[in-house]
Amino acid sequence: MSYSVGEVAGFAGVTVRTLHHYDEIGLLVPSGRSHAGHRRYGDTDLDRLQQILFYRELGFPLDEVAALLDDPEADPRAHLRRQHDLLTARIEKLQKMAAAVEHAMEARTMGINLTPEEKFEVFGDKDPEAHAEEAEQRWGGTEAYAESQRRAARYTKDDWKRMQAEVASWGERYDALMEAGEPPAGECAMDMAEEHRLHITRWFYACSYEMHRGLGEMYVADERFKEFYDSMRPGLAEHLKEAIAANATRHGG
């Protein structure tokens, strides 16, 4: 059984021109010719072509491929061992590349897709990556965390600026609410807590009342979150925690 150059090109996914070139340089000389002088390839030729394409895929130049295949000391088993070793090395390299890509994907969370100039413009001296590792440790296996990552990775500088403006406006109004002496279980405070929950839902993930309660507890227990909210007004973190709990109870959560 023999095959024409066009048939072999179709089998192997290469061009006819490539096969002609391999013939011209002596890398793959077809074992037969038709009566009209056209190239005809046998099974042995196809085996050799398979070896050529394997080494080419791994980046070997043609002269090195020829040396490997024409090595009188090599037998089919030696080629298989070499190919196994090369593939193992390639897999290890690709795994490292995949890990690097995954790291880059994670880094896009919380505005890391912004340029350094844009990040500073939006966040000032507050590093958006500061809590990324801890957040992954706490919630990395949850759908809420995955959804937050998916959304945040798409946000532009303008999106982050709108989000920051919403937070600033909310903080000013909560400050005024506390200045007026509104208790945490009052209607106004619970409405502000509900606005806080909806902000999380709109920008990051669906925040249930139960989840919101947990966040409220964390805003007091974790000094960094407490500092963030208390920077808007001393005592705001504790007030908000109680308002969140009262709001959740109001909605049956």
Protein backbone atom coordinates (compact mmCIF):
# COMPACT_ATOMS: atom_id res chain seq x y z
CA MET A 1 0.00 0.00 0.00
CA SER A 2 1.37 3.40 -0.94
CA TYR A 3 0.06 6.94 -0.81
CA SER A 4 0.42 10.04 -2.92
CA VAL A 5 2.02 13.21 -1.58
CA GLY A 6 -1.40 14.84 -1.40
CA GLU A 7 -2.85 11.96 0.63
CA VAL A 8 0.07 12.00 3.07
CA ALA A 9 -0.22 15.76 3.47
CA GLY A 10 -3.87 15.27 4.38
CA PHE A 11 -3.09 12.48 6.86
CA ALA A 12 -0.35 14.39 8.62
CA GLY A 13 -1.79 17.90 8.53
CA VAL A 14 1.19 19.33 6.66
CA THR A 15 1.47 20.98 3.26
CA VAL A 16 2.57 19.30 0.06
CA ARG A 17 5.31 21.90 -0.14
CA THR A 18 6.63 20.74 3.26
CA LEU A 19 6.83 17.14 2.07
CA HIS A 20 8.62 18.24 -1.10
CA HIS A 21 11.13 20.14 1.07
CA TYR A 22 11.72 17.13 3.32
CA ASP A 23 12.42 15.07 0.21
CA GLU A 24 14.79 17.66 -1.24
CA ILE A 25 16.92 17.81 1.93
CA GLY A 26 16.92 14.02 2.36
CA LEU A 27 14.92 14.07 5.60
CA LEU A 28 11.99 12.08 4.21
CA VAL A 29 12.63 10.53 0.83
CA PRO A 30 9.57 8.57 -0.36
CA SER A 31 10.28 4.90 -0.87
CA GLY A 32 8.49 4.69 -4.21
CA ARG A 33 7.56 6.48 -7.37
CA SER A 34 4.61 6.06 -9.69
CA HIS A 35 5.05 5.25 -13.40
CA ALA A 36 4.72 8.96 -14.03
CA GLY A 37 7.48 9.72 -11.52
CA HIS A 38 5.24 11.01 -8.73
CA ARG A 39 6.19 10.42 -5.11
CA ARG A 40 4.59 7.43 -3.35
CA TYR A 41 4.88 6.93 0.43
CA GLY A 42 4.74 3.59 2.22
CA ASP A 43 3.97 2.74 5.85
CA THR A 44 7.65 3.00 6.80
CA ASP A 45 7.73 6.50 5.34
CA LEU A 46 4.65 7.44 7.38
CA ASP A 47 6.33 6.16 10.55
CA ARG A 48 9.35 8.32 9.84
CA LEU A 49 7.16 11.34 9.11
CA GLN A 50 5.43 10.82 12.44
CA GLN A 51 8.82 10.89 14.18
CA ILE A 52 9.83 14.03 12.27
CA LEU A 53 6.67 15.87 13.23
CA PHE A 54 7.04 14.84 16.85
CA TYR A 55 10.53 16.31 17.11
CA ARG A 56 9.50 19.39 15.16
CA GLU A 57 6.64 19.95 17.61
CA LEU A 58 9.20 19.96 20.40
CA GLY A 59 11.20 22.64 18.59
CA PHE A 60 14.06 20.59 17.13
CA PRO A 61 15.61 22.07 13.96
CA LEU A 62 15.50 19.87 10.89
CA ASP A 63 19.22 19.05 10.89
CA GLU A 64 18.97 17.76 14.48
CA VAL A 65 15.88 15.75 13.60
CA ALA A 66 17.78 14.12 10.75
CA ALA A 67 20.69 13.29 13.05
CA LEU A 68 18.37 11.72 15.60
CA LEU A 69 16.48 9.61 13.09
CA ASP A 70 19.57 8.49 11.18
CA ASP A 71 21.59 7.58 14.27
CA PRO A 72 22.80 4.03 13.55
CA GLU A 73 22.96 3.28 17.27
CA ALA A 74 19.31 4.15 17.86
CA ASP A 75 16.46 1.66 17.64
CA PRO A 76 12.69 2.23 17.88
CA ARG A 77 12.78 1.69 21.64
CA ALA A 78 15.48 4.32 22.02
CA HIS A 79 13.32 6.79 20.15
CA LEU A 80 10.37 6.00 22.38
CA ARG A 81 12.46 6.48 25.52
CA ARG A 82 13.78 9.78 24.21
CA GLN A 83 10.29 10.91 23.28
CA HIS A 84 8.99 9.95 26.71
CA ASP A 85 11.74 11.96 28.41
CA LEU A 86 11.12 14.96 26.16
CA LEU A 87 7.38 14.84 26.72
CA THR A 88 7.85 14.58 30.48
CA ALA A 89 10.05 17.68 30.40
CA ARG A 90 7.55 19.49 28.19
CA ILE A 91 4.66 18.60 30.52
CA GLU A 92 6.60 19.92 33.52
CA LYS A 93 7.33 23.16 31.66
CA LEU A 94 3.69 23.55 30.61
CA GLN A 95 2.52 22.92 34.17
CA LYS A 96 4.79 25.72 35.38
CA MET A 97 3.44 27.97 32.63
CA ALA A 98 -0.14 27.09 33.60
CA ALA A 99 0.62 27.91 37.25
CA ALA A 100 2.02 31.28 36.17
CA VAL A 101 -1.11 32.00 34.13
CA GLU A 102 -3.34 31.03 37.07
CA HIS A 103 -1.37 33.39 39.29
CA ALA A 104 -1.84 36.16 36.75
CA MET A 105 -5.58 35.43 36.60
CA GLU A 106 -5.86 35.64 40.38
CA ALA A 107 -3.94 38.88 40.34
CA ARG A 108 -6.67 40.48 38.25
CA THR A 109 -9.01 40.32 41.24
CA MET A 110 -9.79 43.54 43.09
CA GLY A 111 -8.66 45.90 40.37
CA ILE A 112 -5.31 44.31 39.63
CA ASN A 113 -6.21 44.56 35.95
CA LEU A 114 -5.58 48.30 36.30
CA THR A 115 -2.25 49.89 35.48
CA PRO A 116 -0.17 51.07 38.49
CA GLU A 117 -1.16 54.65 37.68
CA GLU A 118 -4.86 53.76 37.53
CA LYS A 119 -4.69 51.76 40.76
CA PHE A 120 -3.17 54.71 42.60
CA GLU A 121 -5.76 57.05 41.09
CA VAL A 122 -8.61 54.85 42.29
CA PHE A 123 -7.31 53.42 45.57
CA GLY A 124 -4.69 55.96 46.65
CA ASP A 125 -2.30 54.33 49.12
CA LYS A 126 -4.75 51.52 49.96
CA ASP A 127 -3.39 48.42 48.24
CA PRO A 128 -6.31 46.42 46.74
CA GLU A 129 -4.18 43.27 46.94
CA ALA A 130 -3.64 43.59 50.68
CA HIS A 131 -6.35 41.12 51.71
CA ALA A 132 -6.37 38.97 48.56
CA GLU A 133 -4.48 36.00 50.04
CA GLU A 134 -6.48 35.98 53.26
CA ALA A 135 -9.74 36.31 51.33
CA GLU A 136 -8.82 33.26 49.28
CA GLN A 137 -7.93 31.30 52.43
CA ARG A 138 -11.25 32.21 54.05
CA TRP A 139 -13.61 31.93 51.09
CA GLY A 140 -11.59 30.52 48.19
CA GLY A 141 -13.75 27.42 47.85
CA THR A 142 -17.06 29.26 47.81
CA GLU A 143 -19.18 30.27 44.84
CA ALA A 144 -19.38 33.79 46.27
CA TYR A 145 -15.59 34.12 46.08
CA ALA A 146 -15.51 32.75 42.53
CA GLU A 147 -18.28 35.11 41.45
CA SER A 148 -16.49 38.06 43.06
CA GLN A 149 -13.33 37.20 41.13
CA ARG A 150 -15.20 36.87 37.84
CA ARG A 151 -16.88 40.25 38.25
CA ALA A 152 -13.88 42.16 39.59
CA ALA A 153 -11.65 40.98 36.76
CA ARG A 154 -13.95 42.73 34.26
CA TYR A 155 -14.11 46.10 36.00
CA THR A 156 -12.48 49.12 34.43
CA LYS A 157 -10.96 52.12 36.15
CA ASP A 158 -14.28 53.98 35.77
CA ASP A 159 -16.16 51.06 37.36
CA TRP A 160 -13.87 51.12 40.39
CA LYS A 161 -14.19 54.89 40.68
CA ARG A 162 -18.00 54.62 40.65
CA MET A 163 -17.81 51.93 43.29
CA GLN A 164 -15.51 54.06 45.46
CA ALA A 165 -17.85 57.04 45.06
CA GLU A 166 -20.78 54.92 46.24
CA VAL A 167 -18.80 53.82 49.31
CA ALA A 168 -17.79 57.42 50.08
CA SER A 169 -21.38 58.64 49.77
CA TRP A 170 -22.65 55.81 51.95
CA GLY A 171 -20.00 56.58 54.58
CA GLU A 172 -20.91 60.27 54.71
CA ARG A 173 -24.59 59.47 55.15
CA TYR A 174 -23.89 56.86 57.81
CA ASP A 175 -21.73 59.39 59.65
CA ALA A 176 -24.63 61.87 59.56
CA LEU A 177 -27.01 59.16 60.77
CA MET A 178 -24.82 58.45 63.80
CA GLU A 179 -24.34 62.17 64.43
CA ALA A 180 -28.12 62.45 64.62
CA GLY A 181 -28.20 59.73 67.29
CA GLU A 182 -29.95 57.07 65.19
CA PRO A 183 -29.83 53.72 67.05
CA PRO A 184 -28.58 50.62 65.16
CA ALA A 185 -32.04 49.04 65.28
CA GLY A 186 -33.71 52.20 63.96
CA GLU A 187 -35.35 52.28 60.55
CA CYS A 188 -32.75 54.62 59.04
CA ALA A 189 -29.81 52.52 60.26
CA MET A 190 -31.41 49.30 59.01
CA ASP A 191 -32.05 50.95 55.63
CA MET A 192 -28.39 51.93 55.44
CA ALA A 193 -27.41 48.35 56.33
CA GLU A 194 -29.66 47.11 53.54
CA GLU A 195 -28.01 49.53 51.12
CA HIS A 196 -24.64 48.14 52.22
CA ARG A 197 -25.80 44.56 51.50
CA LEU A 198 -27.16 45.53 48.08
CA HIS A 199 -23.88 47.27 47.22
CA ILE A 200 -22.03 43.98 47.80
CA THR A 201 -24.62 42.10 45.75
CA ARG A 202 -24.45 44.57 42.89
CA TRP A 203 -20.68 44.74 42.64
CA PHE A 204 -19.37 41.38 43.88
CA TYR A 205 -21.68 38.49 44.73
CA ALA A 206 -25.19 37.67 45.93
CA CYS A 207 -24.94 38.55 49.62
CA SER A 208 -27.63 36.82 51.65
CA TYR A 209 -28.77 38.16 55.02
CA GLU A 210 -26.96 35.29 56.73
CA MET A 211 -23.73 36.13 54.90
CA HIS A 212 -24.24 39.80 55.69
CA ARG A 213 -24.51 38.97 59.41
CA GLY A 214 -21.17 37.17 59.18
CA LEU A 215 -19.57 40.13 57.48
CA GLY A 216 -20.87 42.44 60.18
CA GLU A 217 -19.24 40.30 62.84
CA MET A 218 -15.98 40.35 60.90
CA TYR A 219 -16.03 44.15 60.61
CA VAL A 220 -15.66 44.28 64.40
CA ALA A 221 -13.51 41.20 65.00
CA ASP A 222 -10.91 41.95 62.31
CA GLU A 223 -8.88 45.02 63.23
CA ARG A 224 -8.22 45.94 59.61
CA PHE A 225 -11.90 46.03 58.68
CA LYS A 226 -12.72 47.78 61.94
CA GLU A 227 -10.10 50.42 61.15
CA PHE A 228 -11.59 50.93 57.68
CA TYR A 229 -15.13 51.57 58.95
CA ASP A 230 -14.06 53.47 62.04
CA SER A 231 -12.03 55.79 59.80
CA MET A 232 -15.39 57.03 58.48
CA ARG A 233 -16.49 57.70 62.05
CA PRO A 234 -15.27 56.25 65.37
CA GLY A 235 -17.58 53.44 66.46
CA LEU A 236 -19.11 52.98 62.99
CA ALA A 237 -17.97 49.34 62.68
CA GLU A 238 -19.82 48.29 65.86
CA HIS A 239 -22.88 50.37 64.97
CA LEU A 240 -22.98 48.85 61.48
CA LYS A 241 -22.64 45.32 62.84
CA GLU A 242 -25.71 45.82 65.01
CA ALA A 243 -27.61 47.51 62.20
CA ILE A 244 -26.82 44.61 59.87
CA ALA A 245 -28.08 42.12 62.47
CA ALA A 246 -31.28 44.12 63.03
CA ASN A 247 -31.86 44.42 59.29
CA ALA A 248 -31.37 40.69 58.79
CA THR A 249 -33.89 39.96 61.55
CA ARG A 250 -36.31 42.43 59.97
CA HIS A 251 -36.13 40.45 56.71
CA GLY A 252 -36.26 37.06 58.39
CA GLY A 253 -32.60 36.33 57.74
